Amino acid sequence: MTTDALGQLDLDHLFHPSTDLRTHGRTGPLVWQRGEGVYVYDTEGRQYLEGMAGLWCTALGYGEPELVEAARKQMETFCYGPLFAGKANEPSIRLAAKLAEWVPIDGARFLFGCSGSDANDAQVKLIRYYFNAIGKPQKKKILSRGNAYHGVTLASAALTGLPSFHKHFDLPGDDVIHLTSPYHYRHAEPGESEEAFSDRLAEELRAVIAREGADTIAAMIAEPLMGAGGVIPPPKGYFDKIQPILRENGILLIDDEVVCGFGRTGNDFGCQTWDMQPATMTMAKALSSAYQPISAVAVPPFMYEAIAEASGDVGLFAHGLTYAGHPVAAAVALRNLELMEERGVMAHAANMGERLQAGLQRVREHPLVGDVRGESLIAGVEFVADRDTHERFPAEEKIAFRAAAACLEEGLIVRALPGDTIAVCPPLVISEAQVDELVEKLVRGLDRVERL
């Protein structure tokens, strides 16, 4: 089928998520045809370096034959079976056991789902279930933060701290409280160091807990590094300062590892990069390198035991998705983790992350750029009209979208984010030469914007 014919079918029938639908109706889609390694190709045969790993997720790149074979073999052997009513399948059991070796939660149990959004939705339900089970039903509120991204279900979109995910959806509601974003570049006071900024955020946390009452707050959810909200690493000392406050007040810490997990920040998990000690963890995306839709919530023994006991009174634990623990998805995720171990992907990604961060220093000097930030193989480039005052470009200029489009013309995929920022997040298997290619194409793309 021709590119034009596919484009017309798209415009006639497809409902695109996270898209300016009005503009899309005029411009139509860019249609991908295939992928290989860190490159993808459109229906006209043009090659692009996939600088966003899809949506932060294709960790092992495109066309990995071992993952294809894992899916094929499992489909032939046992294509589907639910985990309801105590039934199981071997891939789900083995994946849970493998994840237990990875996560920094001793004795963790794993509740499987299909996406980061439904996993964070499940986190809200599990937190409520747990506190009801232990006789503290008033603990319902969850703390989140401005610029956070936690998903798009009703609950996870409420946790998300981006206005576009709330407007017209009547969110967030009364049980979610958003704290100031730990966004030093934008929210620090003049001359305020990262440490001092973290102190101020910690004091805000204390004040909010005092205002709301610790007995009403169940948990705080946090990405180690904020992804879709602007690629925002925590300021120095941030988690060291807020975690004691949470513990003092009996507030659980939910670690959203959907973007940071499985090597993205130079460690297995982002919580290890920034010394978080979470009660629970959310994982998705790179869990299967996006070859199959799968997510997991890691739950500690103290929560699982209370939930299991309470479920006996109800008659069952009445939560679950049809495709939770899908054997094909679990088989692919299991082989994905095995390949990461066998091939030393984490160490390779950490080395490539150093090269990427060093290369991006070229971008820092570009006249359009105000800030370059990130960790290892994830980075954000923020554009400003005035580098001294951090003044933004007028919203109607859509500078980040223009930059992303210019990079696309140079054969590089990046993503425009809120706040005039573009994100870079290549597959973990990227080579030294490909890192250099990414940086070169990014610089050329920005130069192209400057000439407009």
Protein backbone atom coordinates (compact mmCIF):
# COMPACT_ATOMS: atom_id res chain seq x y z
CA MET A 1 0.00 0.00 0.00
CA THR A 2 1.35 3.45 -0.85
CA THR A 3 2.31 6.04 1.73
CA ASP A 4 -0.51 8.34 0.58
CA ALA A 5 -3.09 5.56 0.81
CA LEU A 6 -1.96 4.61 4.32
CA GLY A 7 -2.04 8.26 5.34
CA GLN A 8 -5.60 8.66 4.16
CA LEU A 9 -6.72 5.53 6.02
CA ASP A 10 -5.06 6.96 9.12
CA LEU A 11 -6.92 10.24 8.77
CA ASP A 12 -10.21 8.44 8.16
CA HIS A 13 -10.07 5.82 10.92
CA LEU A 14 -7.28 6.14 13.51
CA PHE A 15 -7.61 7.99 16.83
CA HIS A 16 -4.08 9.03 17.86
CA PRO A 17 -3.09 9.26 21.55
CA SER A 18 -1.00 12.19 22.86
CA THR A 19 -1.40 14.10 19.59
CA ASP A 20 -2.57 17.56 18.56
CA LEU A 21 -5.52 16.06 16.71
CA ARG A 22 -6.54 19.29 14.99
CA THR A 23 -3.08 19.76 13.49
CA HIS A 24 -2.80 16.07 12.66
CA GLY A 25 -5.98 16.34 10.62
CA ARG A 26 -4.16 18.78 8.35
CA THR A 27 -0.71 17.20 8.21
CA GLY A 28 -1.35 13.46 8.40
CA PRO A 29 0.96 10.79 9.83
CA LEU A 30 4.57 9.77 9.43
CA VAL A 31 4.27 6.01 8.94
CA TRP A 32 7.01 3.65 10.12
CA GLN A 33 7.68 0.49 8.16
CA ARG A 34 10.55 -1.32 9.88
CA GLY A 35 13.35 -1.06 12.42
CA GLU A 36 16.83 -2.48 12.82
CA GLY A 37 19.15 -1.87 15.76
CA VAL A 38 18.92 1.81 16.69
CA TYR A 39 17.40 2.83 13.35
CA VAL A 40 13.84 2.97 12.03
CA TYR A 41 12.64 3.44 8.45
CA ASP A 42 9.53 5.13 7.09
CA THR A 43 7.39 3.95 4.19
CA GLU A 44 9.51 5.97 1.79
CA GLY A 45 12.64 4.12 2.90
CA ARG A 46 14.20 7.04 4.82
CA GLN A 47 16.41 6.07 7.76
CA TYR A 48 16.22 7.73 11.19
CA LEU A 49 18.32 7.23 14.31
CA GLU A 50 15.71 6.46 16.96
CA GLY A 51 16.91 8.92 19.59
CA MET A 52 13.90 8.26 21.84
CA ALA A 53 13.99 4.45 21.93
CA GLY A 54 10.38 4.63 20.75
CA LEU A 55 8.82 6.02 23.91
CA TRP A 56 11.80 5.54 26.26
CA CYS A 57 11.38 1.78 25.86
CA THR A 58 13.18 -0.15 23.08
CA ALA A 59 16.21 -0.84 25.26
CA LEU A 60 17.68 -3.62 23.10
CA GLY A 61 16.85 -1.86 19.86
CA TYR A 62 14.80 -3.11 16.92
CA GLY A 63 14.71 -6.57 15.35
CA GLU A 64 16.42 -8.48 18.18
CA PRO A 65 16.11 -12.11 16.99
CA GLU A 66 16.30 -13.60 20.49
CA LEU A 67 13.18 -11.72 21.55
CA VAL A 68 11.38 -12.59 18.34
CA GLU A 69 12.20 -16.25 18.91
CA ALA A 70 11.06 -16.11 22.54
CA ALA A 71 7.66 -14.82 21.41
CA ARG A 72 7.35 -17.34 18.57
CA LYS A 73 8.24 -20.30 20.77
CA GLN A 74 5.85 -19.29 23.53
CA MET A 75 2.99 -18.69 21.07
CA GLU A 76 3.43 -22.20 19.75
CA THR A 77 3.71 -23.76 23.21
CA PHE A 78 1.04 -21.92 25.22
CA CYS A 79 -0.30 -18.70 23.75
CA TYR A 80 -2.50 -17.53 26.62
CA GLY A 81 -3.68 -18.35 30.09
CA PRO A 82 -4.94 -15.99 32.81
CA LEU A 83 -3.52 -15.80 36.33
CA PHE A 84 -7.00 -15.62 37.84
CA ALA A 85 -8.17 -18.12 40.50
CA GLY A 86 -4.66 -19.28 41.34
CA LYS A 87 -3.78 -20.47 37.83
CA ALA A 88 -0.30 -19.73 36.51
CA ASN A 89 2.03 -20.20 33.58
CA GLU A 90 5.75 -20.92 33.57
CA PRO A 91 6.95 -17.66 31.96
CA SER A 92 5.12 -15.52 34.54
CA ILE A 93 6.48 -17.55 37.43
CA ARG A 94 10.02 -17.40 36.10
CA LEU A 95 9.77 -13.68 35.29
CA ALA A 96 8.62 -12.89 38.83
CA ALA A 97 11.53 -14.90 40.21
CA LYS A 98 13.97 -13.11 37.90
CA LEU A 99 12.63 -9.69 38.87
CA ALA A 100 13.07 -10.62 42.52
CA GLU A 101 16.79 -10.90 41.77
CA TRP A 102 16.85 -7.42 40.25
CA VAL A 103 14.77 -5.16 42.47
CA PRO A 104 16.10 -3.66 45.73
CA ILE A 105 13.05 -4.87 47.72
CA ASP A 106 13.69 -8.07 49.67
CA GLY A 107 11.00 -10.68 49.26
CA ALA A 108 9.06 -8.66 46.67
CA ARG A 109 5.95 -10.03 44.97
CA PHE A 110 5.01 -8.91 41.47
CA LEU A 111 1.61 -7.94 40.14
CA PHE A 112 1.71 -7.91 36.34
CA GLY A 113 -0.18 -5.63 33.98
CA CYS A 114 0.08 -4.24 30.47
CA SER A 115 1.42 -0.68 30.80
CA GLY A 116 2.94 1.81 33.18
CA SER A 117 -0.40 3.60 33.37
CA ASP A 118 -2.35 0.59 34.58
CA ALA A 119 0.49 -0.32 36.94
CA ASN A 120 0.38 3.09 38.61
CA ASP A 121 -3.41 2.85 38.71
CA ALA A 122 -2.93 -0.47 40.52
CA GLN A 123 -0.51 1.22 42.91
CA VAL A 124 -3.30 3.54 44.06
CA LYS A 125 -5.66 0.60 44.59
CA LEU A 126 -3.04 -1.46 46.43
CA ILE A 127 -2.16 1.44 48.74
CA ARG A 128 -5.83 1.92 49.60
CA TYR A 129 -6.38 -1.80 50.08
CA TYR A 130 -3.36 -2.06 52.37
CA PHE A 131 -4.32 0.81 54.66
CA ASN A 132 -7.91 -0.40 54.84
CA ALA A 133 -6.60 -3.85 55.71
CA ILE A 134 -4.49 -2.59 58.61
CA GLY A 135 -7.28 -0.44 60.04
CA LYS A 136 -6.27 2.99 58.74
CA PRO A 137 -8.99 3.74 56.18
CA GLN A 138 -8.50 7.50 56.53
CA LYS A 139 -5.07 7.27 54.82
CA LYS A 140 -6.15 7.90 51.23
CA LYS A 141 -4.30 10.93 49.88
CA ILE A 142 -1.28 10.58 47.63
CA LEU A 143 1.41 13.18 47.17
CA SER A 144 2.76 13.77 43.69
CA ARG A 145 4.69 16.64 42.11
CA GLY A 146 4.41 19.22 39.41
CA ASN A 147 5.91 18.03 36.09
CA ALA A 148 5.41 14.40 37.14
CA TYR A 149 4.20 11.89 34.59
CA HIS A 150 2.62 8.69 35.91
CA GLY A 151 0.16 7.67 33.18
CA VAL A 152 -3.22 8.33 31.64
CA THR A 153 -5.80 6.19 33.42
CA LEU A 154 -8.16 8.14 35.66
CA ALA A 155 -5.99 7.54 38.73
CA SER A 156 -2.57 7.74 37.09
CA ALA A 157 -3.48 10.89 35.13
CA ALA A 158 -4.54 12.47 38.42
CA LEU A 159 -1.07 11.66 39.78
CA THR A 160 0.48 13.22 36.68
CA GLY A 161 1.48 16.84 37.25
CA LEU A 162 1.04 18.21 33.72
CA PRO A 163 -1.98 20.48 33.02
CA SER A 164 -2.68 19.12 29.53
CA PHE A 165 -3.40 15.70 31.07
CA HIS A 166 -6.01 17.25 33.38
CA LYS A 167 -7.85 19.79 31.25
CA HIS A 168 -11.28 18.56 30.05
CA PHE A 169 -10.83 15.30 32.01
CA ASP A 170 -11.93 16.88 35.33
CA LEU A 171 -8.74 15.89 37.12
CA PRO A 172 -6.97 15.55 39.48
CA GLY A 173 -9.62 15.40 42.25
CA ASP A 174 -9.29 15.78 46.02
CA ASP A 175 -7.14 12.76 46.94
CA VAL A 176 -4.03 13.85 45.03
CA ILE A 177 -1.85 16.71 46.27
CA HIS A 178 0.81 18.09 43.94
CA LEU A 179 3.97 19.49 45.48
CA THR A 180 6.38 21.91 43.81
CA SER A 181 8.32 20.30 40.99
CA PRO A 182 11.98 19.61 41.88
CA TYR A 183 12.91 21.60 38.80
CA HIS A 184 15.89 23.68 39.86
CA TYR A 185 16.35 25.45 36.53
CA ARG A 186 12.80 26.84 36.65
CA HIS A 187 11.78 26.97 40.31
CA ALA A 188 14.93 27.89 42.21
CA GLU A 189 15.09 31.40 43.59
CA PRO A 190 17.87 33.68 42.31
CA GLY A 191 21.19 32.38 43.60
CA GLU A 192 19.60 29.38 45.32
CA SER A 193 21.85 26.30 45.20
CA GLU A 194 20.48 22.83 44.48
CA GLU A 195 21.00 21.88 48.14
CA ALA A 196 19.14 24.95 49.36
CA PHE A 197 16.36 24.31 46.85
CA SER A 198 16.06 20.74 48.17
CA ASP A 199 15.87 22.12 51.73
CA ARG A 200 13.01 24.38 50.66
CA LEU A 201 11.14 21.49 49.02
CA ALA A 202 11.61 19.39 52.15
CA GLU A 203 10.12 22.18 54.25
CA GLU A 204 7.20 22.42 51.83
CA LEU A 205 6.64 18.68 52.30
CA ARG A 206 6.59 19.11 56.09
CA ALA A 207 4.14 21.97 55.79
CA VAL A 208 1.78 20.04 53.51
CA ILE A 209 1.81 17.04 55.84
CA ALA A 210 1.06 19.32 58.80
CA ARG A 211 -1.78 20.98 56.89
CA GLU A 212 -3.39 17.78 55.61
CA GLY A 213 -2.60 15.56 58.58
CA ALA A 214 -0.20 12.62 58.31
CA ASP A 215 -3.06 10.29 59.21
CA THR A 216 -4.77 11.19 55.89
CA ILE A 217 -1.75 10.72 53.58
CA ALA A 218 -1.00 7.21 52.37
CA ALA A 219 1.93 7.61 49.99
CA MET A 220 4.09 9.79 47.80
CA ILE A 221 4.83 8.74 44.23
CA ALA A 222 8.01 9.88 42.49
CA GLU A 223 10.02 9.18 39.38
CA PRO A 224 13.74 9.08 40.25
CA LEU A 225 14.29 11.34 37.23
CA MET A 226 11.20 12.95 35.74
CA GLY A 227 10.78 11.84 32.14
CA ALA A 228 7.89 13.23 30.10
CA GLY A 229 7.64 16.32 32.33
CA GLY A 230 10.95 17.63 31.00
CA VAL A 231 13.77 15.18 31.81
CA ILE A 232 14.32 16.64 35.28
CA PRO A 233 16.88 15.01 37.58
CA PRO A 234 16.38 15.61 41.30
CA PRO A 235 18.39 18.47 42.76
CA LYS A 236 21.29 17.57 45.03
CA GLY A 237 20.18 16.11 48.35
CA TYR A 238 16.52 15.91 47.37
CA PHE A 239 15.70 12.31 48.24
CA ASP A 240 18.05 12.36 51.23
CA LYS A 241 15.98 15.21 52.66
CA ILE A 242 12.43 14.07 51.87
CA GLN A 243 12.64 10.37 52.71
CA PRO A 244 13.15 10.82 56.49
CA ILE A 245 10.09 13.09 56.55
CA LEU A 246 7.99 10.44 54.82
CA ARG A 247 9.18 7.73 57.19
CA GLU A 248 8.53 9.88 60.26
CA ASN A 249 4.93 10.30 59.15
CA GLY A 250 4.17 6.74 58.03
CA ILE A 251 3.91 7.74 54.36
CA LEU A 252 4.99 5.09 51.84
CA LEU A 253 7.25 5.97 48.88
CA ILE A 254 6.15 4.64 45.47
CA ASP A 255 9.02 4.53 42.99
CA ASP A 256 7.88 4.98 39.38
CA GLU A 257 10.65 3.30 37.37
CA VAL A 258 8.74 3.16 34.08
CA VAL A 259 11.27 5.43 32.32
CA CYS A 260 14.33 5.03 34.54
CA GLY A 261 14.25 1.27 35.11
CA PHE A 262 16.57 -1.32 33.55
CA GLY A 263 19.73 0.65 32.90
CA ARG A 264 18.57 4.03 31.68
CA THR A 265 20.35 6.10 34.37
CA GLY A 266 23.55 4.06 34.62
CA ASN A 267 22.27 1.60 37.24
CA ASP A 268 19.70 -1.17 37.13
CA PHE A 269 17.12 1.24 38.53
CA GLY A 270 16.89 4.98 38.99
CA CYS A 271 16.27 4.54 42.71
CA GLN A 272 19.82 3.20 42.99
CA THR A 273 21.22 6.20 41.11
CA TRP A 274 19.64 8.63 43.58
CA ASP A 275 19.55 6.48 46.74
CA MET A 276 15.80 6.08 47.03
CA GLN A 277 14.47 3.38 49.37
CA PRO A 278 10.98 2.77 48.01
CA ALA A 279 8.21 0.72 49.55
CA THR A 280 6.87 -0.28 46.12
CA MET A 281 8.07 0.01 42.51
CA THR A 282 6.40 0.39 39.12
CA MET A 283 8.11 -1.07 36.04
CA ALA A 284 7.18 -1.26 32.35
CA LYS A 285 8.69 -0.06 29.01
CA ALA A 286 12.23 -1.54 29.02
CA LEU A 287 11.00 -4.55 31.00
CA SER A 288 10.39 -6.18 27.62
CA SER A 289 12.28 -3.63 25.49
CA ALA A 290 8.74 -2.84 24.24
CA TYR A 291 8.53 -6.06 22.23
CA GLN A 292 5.42 -6.97 24.23
CA PRO A 293 3.15 -4.82 26.42
CA ILE A 294 3.87 -5.70 30.05
CA SER A 295 4.23 -3.94 33.39
CA ALA A 296 4.94 -5.00 36.94
CA VAL A 297 4.32 -3.63 40.42
CA ALA A 298 6.78 -4.79 43.08
CA VAL A 299 5.11 -5.14 46.48
CA PRO A 300 7.00 -5.74 49.75
CA PRO A 301 6.10 -8.66 52.07
CA PHE A 302 4.46 -6.47 54.72
CA MET A 303 1.96 -5.12 52.18
CA TYR A 304 1.34 -8.44 50.46
CA GLU A 305 0.68 -10.27 53.72
CA ALA A 306 -1.85 -7.66 54.91
CA ILE A 307 -3.59 -7.63 51.52
CA ALA A 308 -3.68 -11.44 51.32
CA GLU A 309 -5.20 -11.73 54.78
CA ALA A 310 -7.86 -9.11 54.06
CA SER A 311 -8.72 -10.71 50.73
CA GLY A 312 -9.70 -13.86 52.58
CA ASP A 313 -12.45 -11.93 54.33
CA VAL A 314 -13.74 -10.61 51.00
CA GLY A 315 -13.49 -13.95 49.26
CA LEU A 316 -10.88 -12.96 46.71
CA PHE A 317 -8.46 -10.16 45.80
CA ALA A 318 -10.80 -8.51 43.32
CA HIS A 319 -8.33 -6.86 40.98
CA GLY A 320 -6.73 -8.14 37.79
CA LEU A 321 -6.39 -7.64 34.06
CA THR A 322 -7.23 -10.20 31.39
CA TYR A 323 -3.69 -9.99 30.03
CA ALA A 324 -1.87 -9.76 33.38
CA GLY A 325 0.99 -12.22 33.25
CA HIS A 326 0.32 -12.99 29.59
CA PRO A 327 2.68 -15.91 28.86
CA VAL A 328 4.01 -14.46 25.59
CA ALA A 329 4.72 -11.06 27.14
CA ALA A 330 6.29 -12.69 30.19
CA ALA A 331 8.46 -14.98 28.06
CA VAL A 332 9.76 -12.03 26.05
CA ALA A 333 10.39 -9.93 29.18
CA LEU A 334 12.23 -12.82 30.81
CA ARG A 335 14.48 -13.31 27.78
CA ASN A 336 15.01 -9.54 27.63
CA LEU A 337 16.36 -9.50 31.18
CA GLU A 338 18.48 -12.57 30.52
CA LEU A 339 20.01 -10.91 27.46
CA MET A 340 20.78 -7.79 29.48
CA GLU A 341 22.66 -9.98 31.93
CA GLU A 342 24.40 -12.17 29.35
CA ARG A 343 25.57 -9.29 27.17
CA GLY A 344 26.56 -6.84 29.89
CA VAL A 345 24.06 -4.30 28.60
CA MET A 346 24.02 -2.30 31.85
CA ALA A 347 27.77 -1.69 31.81
CA HIS A 348 27.70 -0.86 28.10
CA ALA A 349 24.82 1.59 28.59
CA ALA A 350 26.65 3.30 31.45
CA ASN A 351 29.73 3.76 29.22
CA MET A 352 27.64 5.08 26.34
CA GLY A 353 25.86 7.37 28.78
CA GLU A 354 29.15 9.02 29.70
CA ARG A 355 29.89 9.56 26.02
CA LEU A 356 26.44 11.01 25.36
CA GLN A 357 26.58 13.43 28.29
CA ALA A 358 30.05 14.57 27.22
CA GLY A 359 28.91 15.04 23.63
CA LEU A 360 25.90 17.07 24.66
CA GLN A 361 28.18 19.75 26.05
CA ARG A 362 28.43 20.94 22.42
CA VAL A 363 24.68 21.52 22.51
CA ARG A 364 24.93 23.53 25.72
CA GLU A 365 26.72 26.32 23.84
CA HIS A 366 24.04 26.65 21.17
CA PRO A 367 22.37 30.09 21.27
CA LEU A 368 18.87 28.58 21.49
CA VAL A 369 19.74 26.41 24.50
CA GLY A 370 19.32 27.40 28.12
CA ASP A 371 19.88 24.10 29.88
CA VAL A 372 21.12 20.59 29.14
CA ARG A 373 20.38 18.05 31.85
CA GLY A 374 20.04 14.34 32.40
CA GLU A 375 21.89 11.23 33.49
CA SER A 376 23.63 8.55 31.47
CA LEU A 377 21.50 7.65 28.40
CA ILE A 378 18.69 10.13 29.00
CA ALA A 379 18.87 13.87 28.49
CA GLY A 380 16.76 16.97 28.07
CA VAL A 381 17.61 20.12 26.13
CA GLU A 382 15.61 23.21 27.14
CA PHE A 383 15.29 26.23 24.85
CA VAL A 384 15.11 29.80 26.07
CA ALA A 385 14.70 33.17 24.40
CA ASP A 386 17.12 34.72 26.94
CA ARG A 387 19.85 32.59 28.49
CA ASP A 388 20.51 35.06 31.33
CA THR A 389 16.92 35.40 32.55
CA HIS A 390 15.66 31.95 31.40
CA GLU A 391 12.82 33.73 29.61
CA ARG A 392 10.77 31.30 27.53
CA PHE A 393 9.94 31.67 23.88
CA PRO A 394 6.35 32.75 23.17
CA ALA A 395 4.12 29.68 23.29
CA GLU A 396 2.88 30.24 19.75
CA GLU A 397 6.42 29.70 18.42
CA LYS A 398 6.31 26.04 19.55
CA ILE A 399 10.08 26.03 19.65
CA ALA A 400 10.46 22.46 20.95
CA PHE A 401 8.18 21.08 18.23
CA ARG A 402 10.11 23.04 15.60
CA ALA A 403 13.37 21.65 16.94
CA ALA A 404 12.05 18.08 16.92
CA ALA A 405 10.83 18.54 13.35
CA ALA A 406 14.20 19.96 12.29
CA CYS A 407 16.01 17.01 13.87
CA LEU A 408 13.68 14.68 11.98
CA GLU A 409 14.77 16.34 8.76
CA GLU A 410 18.34 15.50 9.76
CA GLY A 411 17.40 11.85 10.33
CA LEU A 412 17.13 11.94 14.13
CA ILE A 413 14.06 11.27 16.27
CA VAL A 414 13.76 13.29 19.47
CA ARG A 415 10.63 14.22 21.39
CA ALA A 416 9.16 17.63 22.18
CA LEU A 417 8.10 17.90 25.83
CA PRO A 418 6.28 20.52 27.89
CA GLY A 419 8.36 23.54 28.82
CA ASP A 420 10.22 24.03 25.53
CA THR A 421 12.32 20.91 26.05
CA ILE A 422 13.30 18.09 23.73
CA ALA A 423 14.23 14.67 25.10
CA VAL A 424 16.95 12.26 24.02
CA CYS A 425 16.76 8.63 25.13
CA PRO A 426 18.34 6.18 22.66
CA PRO A 427 18.33 2.37 22.90
CA LEU A 428 20.80 1.05 25.47
CA VAL A 429 22.64 -0.89 22.76
CA ILE A 430 23.73 2.25 20.91
CA SER A 431 27.40 2.23 19.87
CA GLU A 432 30.08 4.90 20.29
CA ALA A 433 29.83 5.86 16.62
CA GLN A 434 26.04 6.06 16.86
CA VAL A 435 26.23 8.28 19.97
CA ASP A 436 28.47 10.63 17.99
CA GLU A 437 26.04 10.47 15.07
CA LEU A 438 23.16 11.35 17.39
CA VAL A 439 24.96 14.40 18.78
CA GLU A 440 26.01 15.57 15.30
CA LYS A 441 22.47 15.29 13.94
CA LEU A 442 21.09 17.05 17.00
CA VAL A 443 23.47 19.97 16.51
CA ARG A 444 22.60 20.17 12.81
CA GLY A 445 18.90 20.08 13.66
CA LEU A 446 19.24 22.97 16.11
CA ASP A 447 21.25 24.93 13.58
CA ARG A 448 18.41 24.39 11.13
CA VAL A 449 15.93 25.89 13.64
CA GLU A 450 18.15 28.89 14.15
CA ARG A 451 18.05 29.66 10.44
CA LEU A 452 14.24 29.65 10.26
